[in-house]
Structure formats: structure tokens, C-alpha cells
N, C-alpha and C. Protein backbone atom coordinates (compact mmCIF):
# COMPACT_ATOMS: atom_id res chain seq x y z
N MET A 1 0.78 -1.18 0.01
CA MET A 1 0.00 0.01 0.00
C MET A 1 0.88 1.27 0.00
N LYS A 2 2.03 1.20 0.68
CA LYS A 2 2.91 2.35 0.78
C LYS A 2 3.41 2.71 -0.62
N THR A 3 3.70 1.67 -1.41
CA THR A 3 4.22 1.87 -2.76
C THR A 3 3.17 2.59 -3.64
N ILE A 4 1.96 2.18 -3.51
CA ILE A 4 0.91 2.78 -4.29
C ILE A 4 0.68 4.23 -3.86
N SER A 5 0.77 4.51 -2.60
CA SER A 5 0.59 5.86 -2.12
C SER A 5 1.70 6.78 -2.65
N LYS A 6 2.91 6.27 -2.64
CA LYS A 6 4.02 7.09 -3.12
C LYS A 6 3.86 7.26 -4.65
N PHE A 7 3.45 6.28 -5.37
CA PHE A 7 3.16 6.38 -6.78
C PHE A 7 2.14 7.44 -7.14
N LEU A 8 1.01 7.43 -6.35
CA LEU A 8 -0.05 8.38 -6.57
C LEU A 8 0.43 9.80 -6.25
N ILE A 9 1.19 10.00 -5.19
CA ILE A 9 1.68 11.27 -4.84
C ILE A 9 2.63 11.80 -5.94
N ALA A 10 3.46 10.93 -6.47
CA ALA A 10 4.37 11.32 -7.59
C ALA A 10 3.63 11.68 -8.83
N ILE A 11 2.54 10.94 -9.17
CA ILE A 11 1.76 11.28 -10.32
C ILE A 11 1.06 12.62 -10.11
N PHE A 12 0.46 12.81 -8.95
CA PHE A 12 -0.20 14.06 -8.67
C PHE A 12 0.76 15.26 -8.72
N ALA A 13 1.94 15.12 -8.18
CA ALA A 13 2.97 16.18 -8.18
C ALA A 13 3.38 16.47 -9.65
N ALA A 14 3.62 15.48 -10.41
CA ALA A 14 4.04 15.64 -11.78
C ALA A 14 2.96 16.33 -12.63
N ALA A 15 1.71 15.90 -12.42
CA ALA A 15 0.65 16.54 -13.15
C ALA A 15 0.44 17.99 -12.74
N THR A 16 0.56 18.28 -11.46
CA THR A 16 0.38 19.66 -10.96
C THR A 16 1.50 20.50 -11.52
N LEU A 17 2.73 20.05 -11.41
CA LEU A 17 3.84 20.94 -11.85
C LEU A 17 3.92 21.03 -13.34
N SER A 18 3.44 20.05 -14.10
CA SER A 18 3.50 20.14 -15.56
C SER A 18 2.51 21.18 -16.05
N GLN A 19 1.45 21.49 -15.30
CA GLN A 19 0.53 22.55 -15.69
C GLN A 19 1.08 23.95 -15.57
N CYS A 20 2.18 24.08 -14.85
CA CYS A 20 2.77 25.42 -14.73
C CYS A 20 3.51 25.84 -16.00
N ALA A 21 3.90 24.84 -16.80
CA ALA A 21 4.72 25.10 -18.00
C ALA A 21 3.88 25.65 -19.11
N GLU A 22 2.68 25.29 -19.21
CA GLU A 22 1.89 25.66 -20.38
C GLU A 22 0.42 25.80 -19.95
N PRO A 23 -0.28 26.86 -20.45
CA PRO A 23 -1.68 27.00 -20.06
C PRO A 23 -2.50 25.86 -20.58
N MET A 24 -3.54 25.55 -19.77
CA MET A 24 -4.43 24.47 -20.17
C MET A 24 -5.59 25.04 -20.90
N GLY A 25 -6.01 24.32 -21.93
CA GLY A 25 -7.26 24.68 -22.66
C GLY A 25 -8.40 23.85 -22.19
N PRO A 26 -9.59 24.11 -22.75
CA PRO A 26 -10.73 23.41 -22.31
C PRO A 26 -10.69 21.88 -22.64
N ASN A 27 -10.05 21.56 -23.75
CA ASN A 27 -10.00 20.12 -24.16
C ASN A 27 -9.04 19.37 -23.18
N THR A 28 -7.99 20.00 -22.71
CA THR A 28 -7.10 19.38 -21.78
C THR A 28 -7.82 19.04 -20.50
N GLN A 29 -8.59 19.99 -19.98
CA GLN A 29 -9.30 19.80 -18.74
C GLN A 29 -10.40 18.74 -18.93
N ARG A 30 -11.12 18.79 -19.98
CA ARG A 30 -12.18 17.86 -20.26
C ARG A 30 -11.60 16.45 -20.46
N GLY A 31 -10.48 16.37 -21.21
CA GLY A 31 -9.79 15.05 -21.43
C GLY A 31 -9.36 14.42 -20.15
N ALA A 32 -8.76 15.28 -19.25
CA ALA A 32 -8.32 14.74 -18.02
C ALA A 32 -9.41 14.23 -17.14
N ALA A 33 -10.54 14.97 -17.11
CA ALA A 33 -11.63 14.59 -16.27
C ALA A 33 -12.29 13.31 -16.79
N VAL A 34 -12.55 13.24 -18.12
CA VAL A 34 -13.23 12.02 -18.68
C VAL A 34 -12.25 10.88 -18.54
N GLY A 35 -10.97 11.10 -18.78
CA GLY A 35 -9.98 9.97 -18.64
C GLY A 35 -9.92 9.46 -17.23
N ALA A 36 -9.95 10.37 -16.30
CA ALA A 36 -9.89 9.90 -14.87
C ALA A 36 -11.14 9.12 -14.51
N LEU A 37 -12.30 9.59 -14.96
CA LEU A 37 -13.53 8.83 -14.60
C LEU A 37 -13.56 7.50 -15.30
N GLY A 38 -13.22 7.43 -16.55
CA GLY A 38 -13.23 6.17 -17.29
C GLY A 38 -12.12 5.23 -16.74
N GLY A 39 -10.99 5.77 -16.42
CA GLY A 39 -9.86 4.99 -15.83
C GLY A 39 -10.30 4.40 -14.49
N ALA A 40 -10.97 5.20 -13.66
CA ALA A 40 -11.38 4.74 -12.35
C ALA A 40 -12.36 3.60 -12.50
N ALA A 41 -13.30 3.77 -13.40
CA ALA A 41 -14.31 2.72 -13.60
C ALA A 41 -13.69 1.43 -14.09
N LEU A 42 -12.84 1.54 -15.10
CA LEU A 42 -12.20 0.36 -15.60
C LEU A 42 -11.22 -0.27 -14.62
N GLY A 43 -10.47 0.59 -13.87
CA GLY A 43 -9.54 0.06 -12.87
C GLY A 43 -10.24 -0.57 -11.72
N GLY A 44 -11.41 -0.04 -11.37
CA GLY A 44 -12.22 -0.67 -10.26
C GLY A 44 -12.71 -2.01 -10.69
N ILE A 45 -13.18 -2.13 -11.91
CA ILE A 45 -13.68 -3.42 -12.41
C ILE A 45 -12.51 -4.46 -12.46
N VAL A 46 -11.41 -4.06 -13.03
CA VAL A 46 -10.27 -5.00 -13.09
C VAL A 46 -9.71 -5.34 -11.73
N GLY A 47 -9.65 -4.29 -10.84
CA GLY A 47 -9.14 -4.46 -9.52
C GLY A 47 -10.07 -5.37 -8.67
N HIS A 48 -11.37 -5.30 -8.92
CA HIS A 48 -12.32 -6.13 -8.23
C HIS A 48 -12.08 -7.61 -8.49
N GLN A 49 -11.63 -7.92 -9.69
CA GLN A 49 -11.39 -9.31 -10.01
C GLN A 49 -10.24 -9.94 -9.19
N SER A 50 -9.36 -9.05 -8.77
CA SER A 50 -8.21 -9.53 -7.94
C SER A 50 -8.42 -9.19 -6.44
N GLY A 51 -9.58 -8.64 -6.10
CA GLY A 51 -9.78 -8.36 -4.65
C GLY A 51 -9.29 -7.01 -4.20
N ARG A 52 -8.87 -6.16 -5.17
CA ARG A 52 -8.29 -4.82 -4.86
C ARG A 52 -9.01 -3.75 -5.61
N ALA A 53 -10.25 -3.60 -5.49
CA ALA A 53 -11.04 -2.65 -6.34
C ALA A 53 -10.61 -1.23 -6.06
N LEU A 54 -10.38 -0.82 -4.81
CA LEU A 54 -10.01 0.52 -4.53
C LEU A 54 -8.66 0.98 -5.14
N GLU A 55 -7.70 0.03 -4.98
CA GLU A 55 -6.38 0.32 -5.54
C GLU A 55 -6.46 0.36 -7.09
N GLY A 56 -7.24 -0.55 -7.62
CA GLY A 56 -7.36 -0.51 -9.11
C GLY A 56 -7.99 0.76 -9.59
N ALA A 57 -9.06 1.22 -8.87
CA ALA A 57 -9.67 2.42 -9.28
C ALA A 57 -8.74 3.62 -9.16
N ALA A 58 -7.94 3.65 -8.12
CA ALA A 58 -7.07 4.78 -7.89
C ALA A 58 -6.01 4.85 -9.01
N LEU A 59 -5.43 3.68 -9.30
CA LEU A 59 -4.42 3.63 -10.37
C LEU A 59 -5.00 3.91 -11.77
N GLY A 60 -6.25 3.41 -11.96
CA GLY A 60 -6.96 3.66 -13.24
C GLY A 60 -7.28 5.09 -13.38
N ALA A 61 -7.62 5.77 -12.33
CA ALA A 61 -7.99 7.24 -12.37
C ALA A 61 -6.70 8.05 -12.72
N ALA A 62 -5.65 7.69 -12.05
CA ALA A 62 -4.35 8.43 -12.27
C ALA A 62 -3.93 8.24 -13.72
N ALA A 63 -3.88 7.01 -14.16
CA ALA A 63 -3.42 6.76 -15.55
C ALA A 63 -4.40 7.35 -16.57
N GLY A 64 -5.70 7.18 -16.36
CA GLY A 64 -6.67 7.74 -17.28
C GLY A 64 -6.62 9.27 -17.35
N GLY A 65 -6.43 9.91 -16.20
CA GLY A 65 -6.34 11.33 -16.14
C GLY A 65 -5.14 11.89 -16.90
N VAL A 66 -4.02 11.21 -16.77
CA VAL A 66 -2.82 11.62 -17.49
C VAL A 66 -3.01 11.45 -18.99
N VAL A 67 -3.50 10.26 -19.39
CA VAL A 67 -3.62 9.96 -20.81
C VAL A 67 -4.70 10.89 -21.41
N GLY A 68 -5.79 11.10 -20.75
CA GLY A 68 -6.85 12.00 -21.24
C GLY A 68 -6.36 13.43 -21.30
N GLY A 69 -5.59 13.88 -20.38
CA GLY A 69 -5.01 15.24 -20.38
C GLY A 69 -4.07 15.44 -21.53
N VAL A 70 -3.25 14.46 -21.75
CA VAL A 70 -2.32 14.59 -22.88
C VAL A 70 -3.05 14.59 -24.22
N ALA A 71 -4.04 13.78 -24.38
CA ALA A 71 -4.80 13.77 -25.63
C ALA A 71 -5.58 15.11 -25.76
N GLY A 72 -6.20 15.58 -24.79
CA GLY A 72 -6.91 16.93 -24.87
C GLY A 72 -5.92 18.06 -25.13
N ASN A 73 -4.74 18.00 -24.58
CA ASN A 73 -3.70 19.03 -24.80
C ASN A 73 -3.29 19.04 -26.22
N GLN A 74 -3.13 17.90 -26.83
CA GLN A 74 -2.77 17.82 -28.22
C GLN A 74 -3.83 18.46 -29.15
N LYS A 75 -5.13 18.22 -28.76
CA LYS A 75 -6.22 18.80 -29.51
C LYS A 75 -6.21 20.34 -29.35
N ASP A 76 -5.94 20.78 -28.16
CA ASP A 76 -5.82 22.23 -27.90
C ASP A 76 -4.69 22.88 -28.74
N LYS A 77 -3.51 22.18 -28.77
CA LYS A 77 -2.43 22.67 -29.55
C LYS A 77 -2.76 22.75 -30.98
N ARG A 78 -3.40 21.79 -31.57
CA ARG A 78 -3.75 21.86 -32.92
C ARG A 78 -4.70 22.97 -33.21
N TYR A 79 -5.64 23.21 -32.31
CA TYR A 79 -6.58 24.31 -32.49
C TYR A 79 -5.84 25.66 -32.46
N TYR A 80 -4.94 25.85 -31.52
CA TYR A 80 -4.26 27.17 -31.37
C TYR A 80 -3.29 27.33 -32.54
N ASP A 81 -2.62 26.26 -32.97
CA ASP A 81 -1.71 26.43 -34.09
C ASP A 81 -2.44 26.78 -35.38
N ARG A 82 -3.63 26.25 -35.55
CA ARG A 82 -4.39 26.48 -36.78
C ARG A 82 -5.01 27.92 -36.73
N ASN A 83 -5.44 28.39 -35.57
CA ASN A 83 -6.17 29.68 -35.49
C ASN A 83 -5.33 30.87 -35.10
N TYR A 84 -4.13 30.71 -34.65
CA TYR A 84 -3.36 31.87 -34.17
C TYR A 84 -2.03 31.94 -34.84
């Protein structure tokens, strides 16, 4: 459990600090939120099969949030590059 806690803290810190480098657009925020919700649901389902639903949901939310945020950020960059 301690390893997972440290992992989640590291992911949260990296995600927080990475937002200081570049402004977030609406797609980045939406992608992170949808990715976190989807990842939590999928992680909870997979984790439930092994008896660790909460840990699976936490890891799924972290991974889904990062992936969704990156995908949304790419969409924002394409929009800003095309229009400005």
C-alpha cells in the first residue's frame, strides 16, 4: 500500500507541476476529467477481479487522467496552431 501511495503522490505532483509550464485549454481539462472517470471505472472493475477494487480504481484514475489530459492538450495545440 505504501508503494501505491508514493506512486499516486508522484503522479499528482508531476501533473500539478506540468501545468505550470503551459496554459491548459478546455480540451485538456475535459480530457483529463473524462479519462480519470473512465480509468477509475475500468480500474475498479479490473481490480475487483483480484480483490483490490479501490487500488485498481485509484491507479486507473491516475493513468486515465494523465492519458486523457495529454490527448486533450494535443487537441488544444492543434486548435491554437491553426487559428493563431
